[in-house]
Amino acid sequence: MPPTRTRTHTFAAVDLGASSGRVMVAMVGPGSLRLREVHRFPNRPVRVGGTLHWDILALYRGVLDGLRAAGAAAGGRLAGVGIDSWAVDYALLDADGALLGNPVHYRDTRTDGAPEKIAAAVPPEELYAATGLQHLPFNTVFQLVAARGTPQLAAAKRLLLIPDLISYWLTGEAGTEITNASTTQLVDPRTRAWSPVVAARLGIDLGLFPPLRSPGDPAGFLRPGVLAETGLTAGGPVPVTAVGSHDTASAVVGVPADGDDFAYIATGTWSLAGLELDRPVLTEASRAANFTNELGVDGTVRYLRNIMGLWLLQECLRTWEAQGDPQDLDALLEAAARATPLRSVVDAGDPAFLAPDDMPRRIAQACVRTGQPEPRTPAAVTRCVLDSLALAHRRAVEEAQTLSGRTARTVHIVGGGAHNTLLCRLTADATGLPVVAGPAEAAALGNVLVQARAAGVVGGRLADLRALLRATQPLRYYDPAGDRTAWDEAADRIGAGTVTGTGRGTGTEA
């Protein structure tokens, strides 16, 4: 029976993050939207022969286990499946569709030196004018230039971005979803199509990519073998729908904004802070400020800056545990809330923080270099991290408005950081704008809403999908407190002109 708007239907969202994956089940019906996690699994990169890889087969096994759990939760019947993940990374397949090797992790150092090679072929200002993408030293173009001449790339007949690879394994049909394709630095954000001129000048074969898809397009049906393995044989064919397969694209759909005068911060390992626009900003000033124009759902543009995000705190926690001093996160955040505010801050875009290992030491060194007190306790380091992230959020929101000519009256924080009360409060204080926190599972919610709309279960524009979120999801509100003089002074300490994103080697930079 085809979906209708008169009853509730169950959709599965596969949401793959940099540290874990999960499968969520959503019950969607007239005026109702309920989401719950049915399976979570770790995403543990593996270093082999000096190269950092994603363990893609373990991730796929986690997806199958999750779909099995989703089917059990839905009585063996799913109305659809959608897949989102992190961006830029890819897999190479041979002529038979076989995987040629585990995808390389974007934090691997193989792209060192690639920005200089690309700049020699296409100057940075020309590359930005053509693609509108923020300089990230691990963008797909840099990875492909770094891989040039390798046996794998020479043998490849197909290139699939991570969510497209999972979709291909599930359905047997290949496509390239446009929101994720826009992070490759090979797409023209004005035409929402590949840029053959850029690809030709960089020696990249666009024939490796399967045809482009848009969110809401059909992506096939679960294969019979997948149905059997996941126990989904009772409900007939299960469609897979292209969603905003870049998890940030789905997360922005999941922003419960009322109107278009809002800024968003999608928080997690990265903070993606910016505005939703109807056209890209391709000015030289925008390039110099290191803003990106990534494509969103329904013809929108995600005009944003990548900020290091809660990676800084995650790495601190990992280091303390390795040193025999594990920290309880809730207790640590309570202690950080009592710590002296803005005592020491760092540039959250400093490339020194991109790599893993001993983050507390690198944060302390950065404070010393800028003449600030060294944070010596976990609570002091955590307060430094969160104050610094709030400063970075403030600058991104302010500059996005200036460069785009749009005004934001509210900041929406979605993703994992929506649970971090201190970070939300500090962001409100730093920006001087009210903050709406939640939903934490914005990416999964945006994923299922695009599926449900494509299936005819819900209708309307993005504004209508967001109205359903406001009516069904718990939200928390934070009003800014006091003046922002102390925040201005803190920004001056780290040099306001240098906080432009994250880079490695050359240039600056989720």
Protein backbone atom coordinates (compact mmCIF):
# COMPACT_ATOMS: atom_id res chain seq x y z
CA MET A 1 0.00 0.00 0.00
CA PRO A 2 1.48 3.40 -0.94
CA PRO A 3 2.00 5.85 1.91
CA THR A 4 -0.81 8.27 2.66
CA ARG A 5 -1.19 11.34 4.86
CA THR A 6 -3.97 9.75 6.90
CA ARG A 7 -1.87 7.36 8.97
CA THR A 8 1.55 7.00 10.53
CA HIS A 9 4.48 5.53 8.61
CA THR A 10 7.88 4.34 9.80
CA PHE A 11 11.11 5.52 8.19
CA ALA A 12 14.72 4.62 9.00
CA ALA A 13 17.50 7.21 9.02
CA VAL A 14 21.07 5.96 8.71
CA ASP A 15 23.23 8.70 10.23
CA LEU A 16 26.99 8.13 10.06
CA GLY A 17 29.24 10.41 12.09
CA ALA A 18 32.99 10.65 12.47
CA SER A 19 33.03 8.75 15.76
CA SER A 20 29.86 6.64 15.60
CA GLY A 21 27.00 5.61 13.39
CA ARG A 22 23.41 5.04 14.33
CA VAL A 23 20.15 3.99 12.82
CA MET A 24 17.10 5.94 13.94
CA VAL A 25 13.45 5.06 13.46
CA ALA A 26 10.88 7.82 12.96
CA MET A 27 7.11 7.51 13.12
CA VAL A 28 5.68 10.23 10.88
CA GLY A 29 2.03 11.06 10.46
CA PRO A 30 -0.39 13.98 10.35
CA GLY A 31 0.97 16.44 12.90
CA SER A 32 3.16 13.81 14.55
CA LEU A 33 6.87 13.02 14.48
CA ARG A 34 8.54 10.65 16.93
CA LEU A 35 12.17 9.60 16.65
CA ARG A 36 14.16 7.00 18.54
CA GLU A 37 17.52 5.35 18.21
CA VAL A 38 17.42 1.60 17.59
CA HIS A 39 21.10 0.88 17.00
CA ARG A 40 24.42 2.64 17.57
CA PHE A 41 27.84 1.38 16.55
CA PRO A 42 31.38 2.76 16.77
CA ASN A 43 33.23 4.29 13.85
CA ARG A 44 36.87 3.46 14.55
CA PRO A 45 39.42 4.52 11.93
CA VAL A 46 42.32 2.16 11.34
CA ARG A 47 45.90 3.13 10.50
CA VAL A 48 47.57 0.71 8.09
CA GLY A 49 51.00 1.26 6.57
CA GLY A 50 51.04 4.84 7.81
CA THR A 51 47.68 5.74 6.23
CA LEU A 52 44.52 6.43 8.24
CA HIS A 53 41.49 4.61 6.79
CA TRP A 54 37.79 4.35 7.54
CA ASP A 55 36.74 0.79 8.36
CA ILE A 56 33.95 0.95 5.80
CA LEU A 57 32.96 -2.73 5.99
CA ALA A 58 32.46 -2.46 9.74
CA LEU A 59 30.29 0.60 9.13
CA TYR A 60 28.22 -1.28 6.56
CA ARG A 61 27.77 -4.16 8.97
CA GLY A 62 26.55 -1.64 11.54
CA VAL A 63 24.06 -0.29 8.99
CA LEU A 64 22.70 -3.78 8.31
CA ASP A 65 22.43 -4.49 12.04
CA GLY A 66 20.64 -1.17 12.45
CA LEU A 67 18.18 -1.87 9.65
CA ARG A 68 17.46 -5.23 11.24
CA ALA A 69 16.71 -3.45 14.52
CA ALA A 70 14.61 -0.86 12.67
CA GLY A 71 12.60 -3.59 11.01
CA ALA A 72 12.00 -5.30 14.34
CA ALA A 73 10.84 -2.02 15.83
CA ALA A 74 8.48 -1.44 12.89
CA GLY A 75 6.99 -4.91 12.73
CA GLY A 76 9.04 -5.82 9.67
CA ARG A 77 7.71 -2.93 7.59
CA LEU A 78 9.58 0.24 6.69
CA ALA A 79 8.23 2.99 4.46
CA GLY A 80 11.75 3.98 3.46
CA VAL A 81 15.44 4.41 4.23
CA GLY A 82 17.70 7.46 3.89
CA ILE A 83 21.45 7.79 4.44
CA ASP A 84 23.56 10.76 5.54
CA SER A 85 27.17 10.98 6.64
CA TRP A 86 30.17 13.24 6.88
CA ALA A 87 31.45 14.84 3.68
CA VAL A 88 34.47 14.89 1.31
CA ASP A 89 35.66 11.26 1.67
CA TYR A 90 35.09 8.69 -1.05
CA ALA A 91 35.56 5.09 -2.15
CA LEU A 92 36.90 3.79 -5.46
CA LEU A 93 35.31 0.86 -7.28
CA ASP A 94 36.52 -1.24 -10.21
CA ALA A 95 34.62 -2.04 -13.40
CA ASP A 96 32.65 -4.77 -11.61
CA GLY A 97 31.65 -2.47 -8.75
CA ALA A 98 34.09 -4.06 -6.30
CA LEU A 99 35.72 -1.92 -3.62
CA LEU A 100 39.37 -1.18 -4.43
CA GLY A 101 40.37 -0.33 -0.86
CA ASN A 102 39.15 1.17 2.37
CA PRO A 103 38.44 4.91 1.99
CA VAL A 104 41.14 7.20 3.36
CA HIS A 105 40.23 9.38 6.36
CA TYR A 106 40.14 13.13 5.78
CA ARG A 107 42.47 13.61 8.77
CA ASP A 108 45.21 11.60 7.06
CA THR A 109 48.27 13.59 6.06
CA ARG A 110 48.34 12.48 2.42
CA THR A 111 46.95 15.86 1.32
CA ASP A 112 49.97 17.72 2.72
CA GLY A 113 51.33 19.69 -0.23
CA ALA A 114 48.20 19.21 -2.36
CA PRO A 115 46.92 22.78 -1.86
CA GLU A 116 50.09 24.17 -3.42
CA LYS A 117 49.70 21.88 -6.44
CA ILE A 118 46.12 22.95 -6.96
CA ALA A 119 46.95 26.64 -6.48
CA ALA A 120 49.53 26.34 -9.26
CA ALA A 121 46.84 25.05 -11.64
CA VAL A 122 43.88 27.13 -10.43
CA PRO A 123 44.62 30.19 -8.25
CA PRO A 124 42.58 30.19 -5.01
CA GLU A 125 40.51 33.22 -6.00
CA GLU A 126 39.51 31.54 -9.29
CA LEU A 127 38.70 28.25 -7.57
CA TYR A 128 36.46 30.05 -5.08
CA ALA A 129 34.72 32.08 -7.77
CA ALA A 130 33.93 28.84 -9.61
CA THR A 131 32.93 26.60 -6.68
CA GLY A 132 32.33 28.89 -3.69
CA LEU A 133 33.90 26.39 -1.33
CA GLN A 134 35.87 27.21 1.80
CA HIS A 135 39.50 26.20 1.64
CA LEU A 136 39.74 22.91 3.52
CA PRO A 137 43.01 21.06 3.03
CA PHE A 138 41.15 17.75 2.95
CA ASN A 139 38.46 18.67 0.39
CA THR A 140 37.87 15.95 -2.18
CA VAL A 141 39.85 17.82 -4.86
CA PHE A 142 42.92 17.82 -2.64
CA GLN A 143 42.48 14.12 -1.91
CA LEU A 144 42.17 13.31 -5.61
CA VAL A 145 45.25 15.35 -6.48
CA ALA A 146 47.13 13.59 -3.67
CA ALA A 147 46.00 10.20 -5.05
CA ARG A 148 47.08 10.98 -8.60
CA GLY A 149 49.33 8.25 -10.00
CA THR A 150 48.32 5.63 -7.44
CA PRO A 151 47.34 2.14 -8.69
CA GLN A 152 43.92 2.41 -7.03
CA LEU A 153 42.95 5.61 -8.80
CA ALA A 154 44.33 4.28 -12.09
CA ALA A 155 42.16 1.16 -11.78
CA ALA A 156 39.03 3.00 -10.63
CA LYS A 157 35.96 3.12 -12.85
CA ARG A 158 33.62 4.64 -10.26
CA LEU A 159 33.97 7.07 -7.36
CA LEU A 160 31.28 7.13 -4.66
CA LEU A 161 31.06 9.48 -1.71
CA ILE A 162 30.49 7.66 1.58
CA PRO A 163 26.65 7.85 1.82
CA ASP A 164 26.38 7.06 -1.90
CA LEU A 165 28.56 3.97 -1.35
CA ILE A 166 26.28 2.69 1.42
CA SER A 167 23.24 3.37 -0.77
CA TYR A 168 24.88 1.51 -3.66
CA TRP A 169 25.60 -1.54 -1.53
CA LEU A 170 22.01 -1.54 -0.27
CA THR A 171 20.33 -1.07 -3.66
CA GLY A 172 22.77 -1.81 -6.47
CA GLU A 173 22.06 1.63 -7.99
CA ALA A 174 24.73 4.33 -8.08
CA GLY A 175 24.25 8.07 -7.83
CA THR A 176 25.90 11.20 -6.44
CA GLU A 177 23.71 13.24 -4.10
CA ILE A 178 24.13 16.96 -4.73
CA THR A 179 24.49 18.35 -1.18
CA ASN A 180 27.46 16.09 -0.56
CA ALA A 181 28.81 16.55 -4.08
CA SER A 182 28.98 20.28 -3.37
CA THR A 183 31.69 19.61 -0.75
CA THR A 184 34.04 18.10 -3.35
CA GLN A 185 34.99 21.58 -4.68
CA LEU A 186 33.98 20.39 -8.14
CA VAL A 187 30.41 21.78 -8.24
CA ASP A 188 29.27 25.23 -9.40
CA PRO A 189 26.84 26.42 -6.69
CA ARG A 190 25.04 28.69 -9.17
CA THR A 191 24.14 25.93 -11.62
CA ARG A 192 24.08 23.09 -9.05
CA ALA A 193 26.04 21.03 -11.60
CA TRP A 194 29.61 19.84 -12.01
CA SER A 195 32.20 22.41 -13.07
CA PRO A 196 33.92 20.82 -16.07
CA VAL A 197 36.36 23.71 -16.35
CA VAL A 198 37.68 23.22 -12.80
CA ALA A 199 37.84 19.45 -13.24
CA ALA A 200 39.73 19.76 -16.52
CA ARG A 201 42.28 22.20 -15.13
CA LEU A 202 42.91 19.88 -12.17
CA GLY A 203 43.03 16.73 -14.29
CA ILE A 204 40.05 15.14 -12.54
CA ASP A 205 37.83 12.78 -14.53
CA LEU A 206 34.19 13.68 -13.79
CA GLY A 207 33.23 10.43 -15.51
CA LEU A 208 34.16 8.65 -12.29
CA PHE A 209 31.09 10.17 -10.62
CA PRO A 210 27.65 8.63 -11.27
CA PRO A 211 24.77 10.98 -12.15
CA LEU A 212 23.77 13.69 -9.69
CA ARG A 213 20.70 13.24 -7.47
CA SER A 214 18.76 15.80 -5.45
CA PRO A 215 17.23 15.29 -2.00
CA GLY A 216 13.90 13.55 -2.46
CA ASP A 217 14.95 11.67 -5.61
CA PRO A 218 14.50 7.88 -5.60
CA ALA A 219 17.74 5.95 -5.04
CA GLY A 220 16.44 2.42 -5.61
CA PHE A 221 15.05 -0.34 -3.42
CA LEU A 222 16.74 -2.59 -0.88
CA ARG A 223 18.15 -5.62 -2.66
CA PRO A 224 16.49 -9.00 -2.00
CA GLY A 225 19.60 -10.14 -0.15
CA VAL A 226 19.51 -7.07 2.07
CA LEU A 227 15.81 -7.63 2.78
CA ALA A 228 16.54 -11.20 3.79
CA GLU A 229 19.51 -10.27 5.96
CA THR A 230 17.62 -7.51 7.77
CA GLY A 231 14.32 -9.34 8.17
CA LEU A 232 12.44 -6.79 6.08
CA THR A 233 10.74 -9.30 3.81
CA ALA A 234 7.19 -8.91 5.12
CA GLY A 235 6.36 -5.44 3.91
CA GLY A 236 7.16 -5.55 0.21
CA PRO A 237 9.79 -3.38 -1.51
CA VAL A 238 11.59 -0.87 0.72
CA PRO A 239 12.56 2.32 -1.13
CA VAL A 240 15.79 4.16 -0.48
CA THR A 241 15.45 7.91 -0.98
CA ALA A 242 18.22 10.43 -1.55
CA VAL A 243 18.15 12.87 1.36
CA GLY A 244 20.52 15.68 2.25
CA SER A 245 23.27 13.08 2.36
CA HIS A 246 25.79 15.50 3.80
CA ASP A 247 24.76 15.30 7.43
CA THR A 248 24.90 19.07 7.80
CA ALA A 249 22.43 19.46 4.93
CA SER A 250 20.00 17.17 6.77
CA ALA A 251 20.73 18.95 10.05
CA VAL A 252 19.81 22.33 8.54
CA VAL A 253 16.49 20.87 7.36
CA GLY A 254 16.10 19.86 11.03
CA VAL A 255 16.49 23.46 12.28
CA PRO A 256 13.08 24.39 13.82
CA ALA A 257 13.23 28.00 12.64
CA ASP A 258 10.18 30.21 12.29
CA GLY A 259 10.93 32.47 9.35
CA ASP A 260 14.21 32.99 7.51
CA ASP A 261 15.97 35.48 9.79
CA PHE A 262 17.99 32.90 11.68
CA ALA A 263 21.54 31.64 11.99
CA TYR A 264 22.32 28.02 12.72
CA ILE A 265 25.17 26.19 14.38
CA ALA A 266 25.24 22.45 13.69
CA THR A 267 27.40 21.16 16.51
CA GLY A 268 29.30 17.95 17.00
CA THR A 269 32.88 17.08 16.16
CA TRP A 270 32.70 20.24 14.04
CA SER A 271 30.67 23.40 14.47
CA LEU A 272 29.13 24.50 11.18
CA ALA A 273 27.95 28.06 11.72
CA GLY A 274 26.17 30.22 9.20
CA LEU A 275 22.99 31.17 7.35
CA GLU A 276 20.58 29.58 4.90
CA LEU A 277 20.53 31.58 1.64
CA ASP A 278 18.83 31.36 -1.73
CA ARG A 279 22.01 32.12 -3.68
CA PRO A 280 25.76 31.75 -3.11
CA VAL A 281 28.09 34.54 -2.00
CA LEU A 282 31.13 34.34 -4.28
CA THR A 283 32.87 37.62 -3.50
CA GLU A 284 36.56 37.96 -2.79
CA ALA A 285 35.67 39.21 0.70
CA SER A 286 33.78 35.98 1.30
CA ARG A 287 36.76 33.93 0.16
CA ALA A 288 39.13 35.92 2.35
CA ALA A 289 36.84 35.30 5.33
CA ASN A 290 36.90 31.57 4.49
CA PHE A 291 33.16 31.02 4.18
CA THR A 292 31.77 28.14 2.18
CA ASN A 293 28.75 27.84 -0.10
CA GLU A 294 27.51 24.28 0.26
CA LEU A 295 24.26 23.25 -1.39
CA GLY A 296 21.21 22.51 0.69
CA VAL A 297 17.74 21.04 0.29
CA ASP A 298 15.14 22.72 -1.94
CA GLY A 299 17.62 24.86 -3.84
CA THR A 300 19.08 26.51 -0.76
CA VAL A 301 22.71 27.37 -0.05
CA ARG A 302 24.36 26.65 3.29
CA TYR A 303 26.58 29.68 3.73
CA LEU A 304 28.80 28.75 6.65
CA ARG A 305 32.20 28.44 8.22
CA ASN A 306 33.67 25.20 9.52
CA ILE A 307 34.86 25.58 13.12
CA MET A 308 36.85 22.94 14.99
CA GLY A 309 33.90 22.17 17.27
CA LEU A 310 33.60 19.76 20.17
CA TRP A 311 36.50 17.80 18.71
CA LEU A 312 38.66 19.93 21.02
CA LEU A 313 36.85 18.67 24.13
CA GLN A 314 36.52 15.11 22.80
CA GLU A 315 40.27 14.91 22.32
CA CYS A 316 40.90 16.36 25.79
CA LEU A 317 38.67 13.69 27.32
CA ARG A 318 40.47 10.98 25.37
CA THR A 319 43.87 12.29 26.48
CA TRP A 320 42.91 12.48 30.15
CA GLU A 321 41.58 8.94 30.06
CA ALA A 322 44.78 7.69 28.41
CA GLN A 323 46.78 9.44 31.13
CA GLY A 324 44.82 7.64 33.85
CA ASP A 325 42.69 10.64 34.76
CA PRO A 326 39.26 9.92 33.22
CA GLN A 327 36.68 12.68 33.57
CA ASP A 328 32.93 12.43 34.08
CA LEU A 329 31.57 14.80 31.45
CA ASP A 330 28.61 16.09 33.46
CA ALA A 331 30.76 16.81 36.50
CA LEU A 332 33.42 18.39 34.31
CA LEU A 333 30.91 20.75 32.68
CA GLU A 334 29.55 21.75 36.09
CA ALA A 335 33.09 22.56 37.24
CA ALA A 336 33.78 24.47 34.02
CA ALA A 337 30.64 26.56 34.60
CA ARG A 338 32.12 27.66 37.96
CA ALA A 339 35.55 28.42 36.47
CA THR A 340 36.68 31.97 35.76
CA PRO A 341 35.08 33.09 32.49
CA LEU A 342 37.25 34.14 29.56
CA ARG A 343 40.44 33.77 31.60
CA SER A 344 42.16 32.15 28.62
CA VAL A 345 40.89 31.61 25.08
CA VAL A 346 42.35 30.16 21.90
CA ASP A 347 41.67 30.46 18.18
CA ALA A 348 39.37 27.50 17.53
CA GLY A 349 40.53 27.60 13.90
CA ASP A 350 44.22 27.11 14.68
CA PRO A 351 45.57 24.27 12.48
CA ALA A 352 47.57 23.08 15.49
CA PHE A 353 44.33 21.56 16.81
CA LEU A 354 43.37 19.53 13.73
CA ALA A 355 45.34 16.36 14.46
CA PRO A 356 44.60 14.03 17.38
CA ASP A 357 46.70 13.43 20.53
CA ASP A 358 47.37 15.47 23.69
CA MET A 359 44.94 18.29 23.05
CA PRO A 360 45.26 19.77 26.59
CA ARG A 361 48.97 20.37 26.03
CA ARG A 362 48.41 22.09 22.69
CA ILE A 363 45.67 24.28 24.15
CA ALA A 364 47.96 25.28 27.03
CA GLN A 365 50.77 26.08 24.61
CA ALA A 366 48.48 28.28 22.53
CA CYS A 367 47.48 30.23 25.65
CA VAL A 368 51.10 30.76 26.62
CA ARG A 369 51.99 31.94 23.11
CA THR A 370 49.34 34.66 23.36
CA GLY A 371 50.42 35.79 26.84
CA GLN A 372 47.45 34.30 28.70
CA PRO A 373 47.40 32.13 31.83
CA GLU A 374 47.97 28.46 31.16
CA PRO A 375 44.86 26.37 32.02
CA ARG A 376 46.18 23.63 34.32
CA THR A 377 43.10 21.70 35.43
CA PRO A 378 40.54 19.78 33.36
CA ALA A 379 37.86 22.29 34.41
CA ALA A 380 40.01 25.25 33.32
CA VAL A 381 40.86 23.59 29.99
CA THR A 382 37.19 22.80 29.38
CA ARG A 383 36.15 26.37 30.16
CA CYS A 384 38.84 27.61 27.77
CA VAL A 385 37.51 25.30 25.04
CA LEU A 386 33.87 26.34 25.45
CA ASP A 387 34.63 30.06 25.75
CA SER A 388 36.76 29.76 22.61
CA LEU A 389 34.02 27.95 20.69
CA ALA A 390 31.50 30.61 21.69
CA LEU A 391 33.88 33.27 20.38
CA ALA A 392 34.25 31.39 17.11
CA HIS A 393 30.47 31.02 16.85
CA ARG A 394 30.07 34.75 17.43
CA ARG A 395 32.51 35.71 14.72
CA ALA A 396 31.05 33.30 12.17
CA VAL A 397 27.49 34.50 12.76
CA GLU A 398 28.47 38.17 12.61
CA GLU A 399 30.61 37.85 9.49
CA ALA A 400 28.05 35.71 7.66
CA GLN A 401 25.51 38.50 8.11
CA THR A 402 27.93 41.19 6.95
CA LEU A 403 29.07 39.27 3.87
CA SER A 404 25.61 38.12 2.78
CA GLY A 405 23.60 41.22 3.66
CA ARG A 406 21.16 39.09 5.64
CA THR A 407 20.16 39.65 9.29
CA ALA A 408 19.85 36.95 11.93
CA ARG A 409 17.66 37.59 14.96
CA THR A 410 17.98 34.11 16.48
CA VAL A 411 20.69 31.47 16.65
CA HIS A 412 19.64 27.82 16.46
CA ILE A 413 22.03 25.26 17.91
CA VAL A 414 21.32 21.73 16.71
CA GLY A 415 23.25 18.49 17.01
CA GLY A 416 25.10 17.12 20.00
CA GLY A 417 26.07 20.55 21.32
CA ALA A 418 22.40 21.33 21.95
CA HIS A 419 22.74 19.17 25.09
CA ASN A 420 25.68 21.27 26.32
CA THR A 421 23.94 23.89 28.45
CA LEU A 422 27.13 25.83 29.11
CA LEU A 423 28.06 26.06 25.42
CA CYS A 424 24.54 27.23 24.52
CA ARG A 425 24.53 29.86 27.26
CA LEU A 426 27.98 31.12 26.30
CA THR A 427 27.01 31.32 22.64
CA ALA A 428 23.97 33.45 23.53
CA ASP A 429 26.15 35.75 25.64
CA ALA A 430 28.88 35.99 22.99
CA THR A 431 26.56 36.68 20.04
CA GLY A 432 24.11 38.85 21.96
CA LEU A 433 21.30 36.88 20.31
CA PRO A 434 18.74 34.49 21.78
CA VAL A 435 19.68 30.85 21.28
CA VAL A 436 17.23 28.04 20.61
CA ALA A 437 18.82 24.69 21.42
CA GLY A 438 17.59 21.51 19.80
CA PRO A 439 16.83 19.13 18.39
CA ALA A 440 20.00 17.22 19.13
CA GLU A 441 19.11 14.70 16.41
CA ALA A 442 18.54 17.33 13.74
CA ALA A 443 20.37 15.37 11.04
CA ALA A 444 18.24 12.26 11.52
CA LEU A 445 15.07 14.35 11.68
CA GLY A 446 15.95 16.23 8.50
CA ASN A 447 16.75 12.89 6.88
CA VAL A 448 13.34 11.36 7.67
CA LEU A 449 11.39 14.52 6.86
CA VAL A 450 12.80 14.57 3.32
CA GLN A 451 11.93 10.88 2.99
CA ALA A 452 8.42 11.40 4.34
CA ARG A 453 7.78 14.30 2.00
CA ALA A 454 9.03 12.30 -0.99
CA ALA A 455 6.71 9.45 0.03
CA GLY A 456 3.72 11.77 0.29
CA VAL A 457 3.30 11.35 4.04
CA VAL A 458 3.92 15.05 4.70
CA GLY A 459 3.85 17.93 2.28
CA GLY A 460 4.92 21.49 1.87
CA ARG A 461 8.04 23.60 1.86
CA LEU A 462 10.94 23.66 4.30
CA ALA A 463 8.91 26.09 6.43
CA ASP A 464 6.18 23.46 6.80
CA LEU A 465 8.65 20.73 7.76
CA ARG A 466 10.14 23.06 10.36
CA ALA A 467 6.71 23.89 11.75
CA LEU A 468 6.23 20.17 12.39
CA LEU A 469 9.55 20.13 14.25
CA ARG A 470 8.53 23.06 16.45
CA ALA A 471 5.27 21.33 17.28
CA THR A 472 6.79 17.96 18.16
CA GLN A 473 10.38 18.38 19.40
CA PRO A 474 11.57 19.62 22.82
CA LEU A 475 13.52 22.88 22.60
CA ARG A 476 15.42 24.98 25.14
CA TYR A 477 15.82 28.75 25.08
CA TYR A 478 18.74 30.94 26.23
CA ASP A 479 18.66 34.72 26.36
CA PRO A 480 21.94 36.68 26.25
CA ALA A 481 23.09 38.13 29.56
CA GLY A 482 25.03 41.35 30.15
CA ASP A 483 27.10 43.36 27.71
CA ARG A 484 29.71 41.90 25.42
CA THR A 485 32.71 43.98 26.43
CA ALA A 486 34.49 41.03 27.99
CA TRP A 487 33.96 39.02 24.79
CA ASP A 488 35.41 41.84 22.71
CA GLU A 489 38.49 41.92 24.91
CA ALA A 490 38.89 38.13 24.73
CA ALA A 491 38.71 38.22 20.93
CA ASP A 492 41.43 40.88 20.86
CA ARG A 493 43.73 38.61 22.88
CA ILE A 494 43.84 35.94 20.21
CA GLY A 495 43.82 38.34 17.28
CA ALA A 496 40.36 38.71 15.80
CA GLY A 497 41.76 38.86 12.31
CA THR A 498 43.15 35.34 12.46
CA VAL A 499 40.05 33.36 13.37
CA THR A 500 39.04 32.21 9.90
CA GLY A 501 38.68 28.45 10.05
CA THR A 502 40.85 25.40 10.14
CA GLY A 503 43.83 24.62 7.97
CA ARG A 504 46.77 22.29 7.81
CA GLY A 505 50.06 23.16 6.25
CA THR A 506 49.00 26.07 4.05
CA GLY A 507 45.76 27.95 3.93
CA THR A 508 42.94 27.88 6.42
CA GLU A 509 39.82 25.90 6.86
CA ALA A 510 33.56 19.51 8.92
